[in-house]
Amino acid sequence: MSSQAQNLKSQAGEAVGQAQVKKDQMMNSASGTAQNAMGKTSETAQSGQESMDQTKDQASGLLQQTGMQVKNMAQGAADAVKSTLGMNSTDHNNPINPKNPTN
């Protein structure tokens, strides 16, 4: 084999080796990028879940507080009507007596 053919064969082998190294580097880089993207997606999903749970807890507390306020307002209105009609039973010192005209 001539030295020129030997030289071309050597250069071709070197080019194949360099191409293989570049291919491996690109594959590793792509794999790392995909893993980073999956990690970021997972973190974002976890953050969204935590935010949703916190909002749900806040809404639940607000609904419970609103329910208690409505109940208290209704009780206050009922007490006011009873007081206006003279039927308020919260005054234990002056029980309703049908014989007493001031009741």
Protein backbone atom coordinates (compact mmCIF):
# COMPACT_ATOMS: atom_id res chain seq x y z
CA MET A 1 0.00 0.00 0.00
CA SER A 2 1.33 3.40 -0.87
CA SER A 3 2.05 5.96 1.77
CA GLN A 4 -0.61 8.24 0.31
CA ALA A 5 -3.28 5.52 0.66
CA GLN A 6 -2.05 4.76 4.17
CA ASN A 7 -2.28 8.48 5.00
CA LEU A 8 -5.85 8.75 3.63
CA LYS A 9 -6.89 5.66 5.56
CA SER A 10 -5.46 7.13 8.74
CA GLN A 11 -7.23 10.44 8.17
CA ALA A 12 -10.52 8.65 7.51
CA GLY A 13 -10.16 6.65 10.72
CA GLU A 14 -9.41 9.83 12.64
CA ALA A 15 -12.47 11.57 11.14
CA VAL A 16 -14.67 8.61 12.10
CA GLY A 17 -13.31 8.74 15.65
CA GLN A 18 -13.92 12.48 15.94
CA ALA A 19 -17.43 12.07 14.56
CA GLN A 20 -18.14 9.38 17.16
CA VAL A 21 -16.89 11.64 19.98
CA LYS A 22 -19.06 14.53 18.71
CA LYS A 23 -22.08 12.23 18.44
CA ASP A 24 -21.56 11.03 22.04
CA GLN A 25 -21.20 14.62 23.29
CA MET A 26 -24.40 15.66 21.51
CA MET A 27 -26.33 12.67 22.90
CA ASN A 28 -25.13 13.37 26.44
CA SER A 29 -26.03 17.04 26.08
CA ALA A 30 -29.51 16.21 24.75
CA SER A 31 -30.06 13.71 27.55
CA GLY A 32 -29.00 16.26 30.17
CA THR A 33 -31.28 18.90 28.65
CA ALA A 34 -34.22 16.49 28.67
CA GLN A 35 -33.58 15.56 32.30
CA ASN A 36 -33.38 19.24 33.28
CA ALA A 37 -36.65 19.94 31.48
CA MET A 38 -38.33 17.03 33.26
CA GLY A 39 -37.02 18.28 36.60
CA LYS A 40 -38.31 21.80 35.97
CA THR A 41 -41.70 20.43 34.89
CA SER A 42 -41.91 18.36 38.06
CA GLU A 43 -40.99 21.36 40.23
CA THR A 44 -43.59 23.52 38.49
CA ALA A 45 -46.28 20.88 38.95
CA GLN A 46 -45.40 20.52 42.65
CA SER A 47 -45.51 24.28 43.13
CA GLY A 48 -48.89 24.45 41.39
CA GLN A 49 -50.26 21.68 43.62
CA GLU A 50 -49.06 23.46 46.77
CA SER A 51 -50.60 26.73 45.59
CA MET A 52 -53.88 24.99 44.81
CA ASP A 53 -53.95 23.32 48.24
CA GLN A 54 -53.30 26.65 49.98
CA THR A 55 -56.04 28.39 47.98
CA LYS A 56 -58.46 25.56 48.77
CA ASP A 57 -57.70 25.87 52.50
CA GLN A 58 -58.21 29.63 52.38
CA ALA A 59 -61.51 29.26 50.54
CA SER A 60 -62.70 26.67 53.04
CA GLY A 61 -61.85 28.96 55.95
CA LEU A 62 -63.59 31.89 54.28
CA LEU A 63 -66.74 29.84 53.65
CA GLN A 64 -66.79 28.64 57.26
CA GLN A 65 -66.33 32.21 58.55
CA THR A 66 -69.08 33.51 56.24
CA GLY A 67 -71.42 30.73 57.40
CA MET A 68 -70.86 31.66 61.03
CA GLN A 69 -71.53 35.33 60.28
CA VAL A 70 -74.80 34.49 58.51
CA LYS A 71 -75.84 32.25 61.40
CA ASN A 72 -75.08 34.99 63.93
CA MET A 73 -76.97 37.58 61.89
CA ALA A 74 -80.00 35.29 61.64
CA GLN A 75 -79.89 34.62 65.39
CA GLY A 76 -79.65 38.36 66.04
CA ALA A 77 -82.63 39.01 63.78
CA ALA A 78 -84.66 36.28 65.51
CA ASP A 79 -83.78 37.71 68.92
CA ALA A 80 -84.78 41.21 67.77
CA VAL A 81 -88.17 39.96 66.55
CA LYS A 82 -88.74 38.04 69.80
CA SER A 83 -87.76 41.09 71.81
CA THR A 84 -90.11 43.31 69.78
CA LEU A 85 -92.98 40.87 70.31
CA GLY A 86 -92.16 40.43 74.01
CA MET A 87 -91.26 36.78 73.52
CA ASN A 88 -87.55 37.06 74.32
CA SER A 89 -86.76 34.25 76.75
CA THR A 90 -83.20 35.43 77.43
CA ASP A 91 -84.41 37.65 80.30
CA HIS A 92 -84.66 35.09 83.15
CA ASN A 93 -85.38 37.76 85.79
CA ASN A 94 -88.68 38.67 84.17
CA PRO A 95 -90.28 35.50 82.74
CA ILE A 96 -93.33 35.88 80.56
CA ASN A 97 -96.45 35.75 82.69
CA PRO A 98 -99.81 35.98 80.97
CA LYS A 99 -101.31 37.49 84.16
CA ASN A 100 -98.79 40.36 84.12
CA PRO A 101 -100.00 43.08 81.71
CA THR A 102 -96.50 44.63 81.38
CA ASN A 103 -95.19 41.56 79.53
